[in-house]
N, C-alpha and C. Protein backbone atom coordinates (compact mmCIF):
# COMPACT_ATOMS: atom_id res chain seq x y z
N MET A 1 -37.34 2.01 70.23
CA MET A 1 -36.49 2.89 69.48
C MET A 1 -37.33 3.61 68.43
N VAL A 2 -37.22 4.89 68.39
CA VAL A 2 -37.99 5.73 67.49
C VAL A 2 -37.12 6.09 66.31
N VAL A 3 -37.68 5.80 65.14
CA VAL A 3 -36.95 6.14 63.93
C VAL A 3 -37.49 7.46 63.42
N MET A 4 -36.64 8.37 63.22
CA MET A 4 -37.07 9.68 62.75
C MET A 4 -36.68 9.83 61.29
N THR A 5 -37.68 10.21 60.50
CA THR A 5 -37.36 10.46 59.10
C THR A 5 -36.86 11.88 58.98
N PRO A 6 -35.92 12.05 58.12
CA PRO A 6 -35.40 13.42 57.98
C PRO A 6 -36.45 14.33 57.36
N ARG A 7 -36.54 15.48 57.91
CA ARG A 7 -37.50 16.47 57.44
C ARG A 7 -37.00 17.07 56.14
N GLU A 8 -37.95 17.16 55.18
CA GLU A 8 -37.56 17.73 53.90
C GLU A 8 -37.46 19.24 54.02
N LYS A 9 -36.55 19.78 53.30
CA LYS A 9 -36.40 21.22 53.28
C LYS A 9 -37.14 21.77 52.09
N TRP A 10 -37.91 22.80 52.34
CA TRP A 10 -38.68 23.44 51.27
C TRP A 10 -37.89 24.63 50.78
N THR A 11 -37.26 24.42 49.68
CA THR A 11 -36.50 25.51 49.09
C THR A 11 -37.44 26.36 48.24
N ASP A 12 -36.96 27.49 47.85
CA ASP A 12 -37.76 28.37 46.99
C ASP A 12 -38.14 27.68 45.69
N GLU A 13 -37.18 26.91 45.15
CA GLU A 13 -37.47 26.21 43.89
C GLU A 13 -38.56 25.17 44.08
N ARG A 14 -38.50 24.44 45.17
CA ARG A 14 -39.52 23.41 45.43
C ARG A 14 -40.89 24.06 45.65
N LEU A 15 -40.90 25.17 46.36
CA LEU A 15 -42.17 25.88 46.56
C LEU A 15 -42.72 26.38 45.24
N ASP A 16 -41.84 26.93 44.40
CA ASP A 16 -42.27 27.41 43.08
C ASP A 16 -42.82 26.26 42.25
N ASP A 17 -42.16 25.10 42.28
CA ASP A 17 -42.66 23.94 41.53
C ASP A 17 -44.03 23.50 42.04
N ALA A 18 -44.18 23.48 43.35
CA ALA A 18 -45.46 23.07 43.93
C ALA A 18 -46.57 24.05 43.53
N PHE A 19 -46.28 25.32 43.60
CA PHE A 19 -47.29 26.31 43.21
C PHE A 19 -47.56 26.29 41.71
N ASP A 20 -46.56 25.99 40.92
CA ASP A 20 -46.77 25.86 39.48
C ASP A 20 -47.72 24.70 39.18
N ARG A 21 -47.51 23.57 39.89
CA ARG A 21 -48.41 22.42 39.70
C ARG A 21 -49.84 22.79 40.12
N ILE A 22 -49.94 23.49 41.22
CA ILE A 22 -51.27 23.90 41.71
C ILE A 22 -51.92 24.86 40.71
N ASP A 23 -51.14 25.82 40.21
CA ASP A 23 -51.67 26.77 39.21
C ASP A 23 -52.11 26.03 37.96
N LYS A 24 -51.33 25.05 37.52
CA LYS A 24 -51.68 24.29 36.33
C LYS A 24 -52.97 23.50 36.57
N SER A 25 -53.08 22.90 37.75
CA SER A 25 -54.30 22.15 38.08
C SER A 25 -55.51 23.07 38.10
N ILE A 26 -55.35 24.26 38.66
CA ILE A 26 -56.46 25.22 38.71
C ILE A 26 -56.83 25.66 37.30
N ASP A 27 -55.82 25.91 36.47
CA ASP A 27 -56.11 26.31 35.08
C ASP A 27 -56.86 25.21 34.34
N GLU A 28 -56.45 23.94 34.54
CA GLU A 28 -57.15 22.82 33.91
C GLU A 28 -58.59 22.72 34.42
N LEU A 29 -58.76 22.93 35.70
CA LEU A 29 -60.10 22.90 36.29
C LEU A 29 -60.97 24.01 35.72
N ARG A 30 -60.41 25.19 35.57
CA ARG A 30 -61.16 26.31 34.99
C ARG A 30 -61.57 26.01 33.55
N LEU A 31 -60.64 25.43 32.79
CA LEU A 31 -60.94 25.07 31.40
C LEU A 31 -62.06 24.03 31.35
N GLU A 32 -61.97 23.04 32.21
CA GLU A 32 -63.01 22.01 32.26
C GLU A 32 -64.36 22.61 32.66
N MET A 33 -64.34 23.54 33.61
CA MET A 33 -65.59 24.18 34.02
C MET A 33 -66.16 25.02 32.89
N ARG A 34 -65.30 25.74 32.15
CA ARG A 34 -65.77 26.53 31.02
C ARG A 34 -66.46 25.64 29.99
N ARG A 35 -65.83 24.50 29.69
CA ARG A 35 -66.43 23.56 28.73
C ARG A 35 -67.78 23.06 29.25
N GLY A 36 -67.84 22.76 30.52
CA GLY A 36 -69.11 22.31 31.10
C GLY A 36 -70.18 23.38 31.01
N PHE A 37 -69.82 24.62 31.32
CA PHE A 37 -70.78 25.71 31.23
C PHE A 37 -71.21 25.97 29.80
N GLU A 38 -70.29 25.78 28.84
CA GLU A 38 -70.66 25.94 27.44
C GLU A 38 -71.70 24.89 27.04
N GLN A 39 -71.52 23.66 27.53
CA GLN A 39 -72.50 22.61 27.25
C GLN A 39 -73.85 22.94 27.88
N ILE A 40 -73.81 23.45 29.09
CA ILE A 40 -75.05 23.85 29.76
C ILE A 40 -75.73 24.97 28.99
N ASP A 41 -74.94 25.94 28.51
CA ASP A 41 -75.51 27.04 27.73
C ASP A 41 -76.17 26.51 26.46
N LYS A 42 -75.54 25.52 25.79
CA LYS A 42 -76.14 24.93 24.59
C LYS A 42 -77.46 24.25 24.93
N ARG A 43 -77.48 23.56 26.05
CA ARG A 43 -78.72 22.89 26.46
C ARG A 43 -79.82 23.91 26.74
N PHE A 44 -79.45 25.01 27.39
CA PHE A 44 -80.45 26.05 27.66
C PHE A 44 -80.95 26.67 26.36
N ASP A 45 -80.07 26.81 25.37
CA ASP A 45 -80.50 27.32 24.07
C ASP A 45 -81.53 26.39 23.45
N GLN A 46 -81.28 25.08 23.56
CA GLN A 46 -82.24 24.10 23.04
C GLN A 46 -83.56 24.19 23.79
N ILE A 47 -83.48 24.36 25.10
CA ILE A 47 -84.70 24.47 25.91
C ILE A 47 -85.47 25.73 25.52
N ASP A 48 -84.74 26.84 25.29
CA ASP A 48 -85.39 28.08 24.86
C ASP A 48 -86.14 27.87 23.55
N LYS A 49 -85.52 27.13 22.61
CA LYS A 49 -86.19 26.87 21.34
C LYS A 49 -87.46 26.04 21.55
N ARG A 50 -87.37 25.07 22.44
CA ARG A 50 -88.56 24.25 22.73
C ARG A 50 -89.67 25.10 23.35
N PHE A 51 -89.30 26.01 24.25
CA PHE A 51 -90.30 26.87 24.85
C PHE A 51 -90.94 27.79 23.80
N GLU A 52 -90.17 28.21 22.82
CA GLU A 52 -90.74 29.02 21.74
C GLU A 52 -91.80 28.21 21.00
N GLN A 53 -91.52 26.93 20.76
CA GLN A 53 -92.50 26.06 20.10
C GLN A 53 -93.74 25.89 20.97
N VAL A 54 -93.54 25.73 22.26
CA VAL A 54 -94.67 25.58 23.18
C VAL A 54 -95.49 26.86 23.19
N ASP A 55 -94.83 28.01 23.20
CA ASP A 55 -95.54 29.29 23.15
C ASP A 55 -96.40 29.39 21.89
N LYS A 56 -95.86 28.97 20.75
CA LYS A 56 -96.64 29.00 19.51
C LYS A 56 -97.86 28.10 19.60
N ARG A 57 -97.68 26.92 20.21
CA ARG A 57 -98.81 26.01 20.36
C ARG A 57 -99.89 26.63 21.25
N PHE A 58 -99.47 27.26 22.34
CA PHE A 58 -100.44 27.90 23.23
C PHE A 58 -101.18 29.04 22.51
N GLU A 59 -100.47 29.76 21.66
CA GLU A 59 -101.12 30.82 20.90
C GLU A 59 -102.19 30.24 19.98
N GLN A 60 -101.89 29.08 19.37
CA GLN A 60 -102.88 28.43 18.51
C GLN A 60 -104.08 27.98 19.33
N VAL A 61 -103.83 27.43 20.51
CA VAL A 61 -104.93 26.99 21.38
C VAL A 61 -105.76 28.19 21.80
N ASP A 62 -105.10 29.30 22.15
CA ASP A 62 -105.83 30.50 22.52
C ASP A 62 -106.73 30.98 21.39
N LYS A 63 -106.24 30.94 20.16
CA LYS A 63 -107.05 31.37 19.01
C LYS A 63 -108.26 30.46 18.85
N ARG A 64 -108.05 29.16 19.05
CA ARG A 64 -109.18 28.22 18.94
C ARG A 64 -110.23 28.52 20.01
N PHE A 65 -109.78 28.78 21.23
CA PHE A 65 -110.72 29.10 22.30
C PHE A 65 -111.45 30.40 22.04
N GLU A 66 -110.76 31.37 21.44
CA GLU A 66 -111.44 32.62 21.10
C GLU A 66 -112.56 32.36 20.10
N ARG A 67 -112.29 31.49 19.12
CA ARG A 67 -113.33 31.15 18.14
C ARG A 67 -114.48 30.41 18.81
N ILE A 68 -114.15 29.49 19.70
CA ILE A 68 -115.19 28.74 20.42
C ILE A 68 -116.01 29.68 21.28
N ASP A 69 -115.34 30.59 21.98
CA ASP A 69 -116.06 31.57 22.81
C ASP A 69 -117.01 32.40 21.96
N GLU A 70 -116.56 32.85 20.80
CA GLU A 70 -117.42 33.65 19.92
C GLU A 70 -118.63 32.84 19.47
N LYS A 71 -118.44 31.56 19.17
CA LYS A 71 -119.57 30.73 18.75
C LYS A 71 -120.56 30.55 19.89
N PHE A 72 -120.07 30.39 21.12
CA PHE A 72 -120.96 30.28 22.27
C PHE A 72 -121.75 31.58 22.48
N PHE A 73 -121.10 32.71 22.31
CA PHE A 73 -121.80 33.99 22.44
C PHE A 73 -122.89 34.12 21.36
N GLN A 74 -122.58 33.69 20.15
CA GLN A 74 -123.58 33.72 19.08
C GLN A 74 -124.75 32.81 19.41
N LEU A 75 -124.46 31.63 19.92
CA LEU A 75 -125.51 30.70 20.31
C LEU A 75 -126.36 31.27 21.44
N GLN A 76 -125.71 31.89 22.40
CA GLN A 76 -126.42 32.49 23.52
C GLN A 76 -127.35 33.60 23.04
N ARG A 77 -126.88 34.45 22.13
CA ARG A 77 -127.72 35.52 21.60
C ARG A 77 -128.91 34.95 20.84
N SER A 78 -128.65 33.90 20.07
CA SER A 78 -129.75 33.28 19.31
C SER A 78 -130.78 32.67 20.25
N MET A 79 -130.32 32.02 21.31
CA MET A 79 -131.25 31.41 22.26
C MET A 79 -132.07 32.48 22.99
N ILE A 80 -131.44 33.57 23.36
CA ILE A 80 -132.17 34.65 24.04
C ILE A 80 -133.22 35.23 23.10
N ALA A 81 -132.86 35.47 21.85
CA ALA A 81 -133.81 36.00 20.88
C ALA A 81 -134.97 35.03 20.68
N CYS A 82 -134.67 33.74 20.65
CA CYS A 82 -135.71 32.72 20.48
C CYS A 82 -136.65 32.72 21.68
N PHE A 83 -136.09 32.74 22.90
CA PHE A 83 -136.93 32.73 24.11
C PHE A 83 -137.78 33.99 24.21
N VAL A 84 -137.22 35.13 23.85
CA VAL A 84 -138.00 36.37 23.87
C VAL A 84 -139.14 36.28 22.86
N SER A 85 -138.86 35.75 21.68
CA SER A 85 -139.90 35.60 20.65
C SER A 85 -141.00 34.65 21.13
N LEU A 86 -140.60 33.54 21.75
CA LEU A 86 -141.60 32.59 22.28
C LEU A 86 -142.44 33.23 23.38
N PHE A 87 -141.79 33.99 24.27
CA PHE A 87 -142.51 34.64 25.36
C PHE A 87 -143.53 35.65 24.82
N VAL A 88 -143.11 36.42 23.82
CA VAL A 88 -144.01 37.39 23.20
C VAL A 88 -145.16 36.67 22.51
N ALA A 89 -144.87 35.55 21.84
CA ALA A 89 -145.92 34.77 21.17
C ALA A 89 -146.91 34.22 22.19
N PHE A 90 -146.42 33.70 23.30
CA PHE A 90 -147.34 33.19 24.34
C PHE A 90 -148.20 34.29 24.92
N LEU A 91 -147.60 35.48 25.13
CA LEU A 91 -148.38 36.60 25.64
C LEU A 91 -149.44 37.03 24.63
N ALA A 92 -149.09 37.02 23.34
CA ALA A 92 -150.04 37.40 22.29
C ALA A 92 -151.19 36.40 22.25
N ILE A 93 -150.86 35.10 22.40
CA ILE A 93 -151.92 34.09 22.36
C ILE A 93 -152.79 34.19 23.60
N ALA A 94 -152.13 34.41 24.77
CA ALA A 94 -152.89 34.41 26.02
C ALA A 94 -153.77 35.66 26.14
N PHE A 95 -153.30 36.80 25.73
CA PHE A 95 -154.06 38.03 25.95
C PHE A 95 -154.68 38.59 24.68
N GLY A 96 -154.21 38.16 23.57
CA GLY A 96 -154.70 38.78 22.34
C GLY A 96 -155.71 37.92 21.61
N GLY A 97 -155.73 36.72 21.86
CA GLY A 97 -156.52 35.93 20.98
C GLY A 97 -157.64 35.23 21.52
């Protein structure tokens, strides 16, 4: 024996209630998503600030390397001048004296 449950009738009011619940759920979901995105935006703002600090640190490192590079160039010029002077002195001793 098969027992049949009576089929519910979907009246306009019931459909409106169902869609109202769905609309309310969607609105709540949208609000929750907005809050989540606002939190993400705040986190990105914090990350942007950290990157600004990192950029400043890199600028300081770049300045230090520029100073180091300049000192190496000065050392290189001094060494070349010294070697040229020594070479000229050896030539003067070998051929002049």
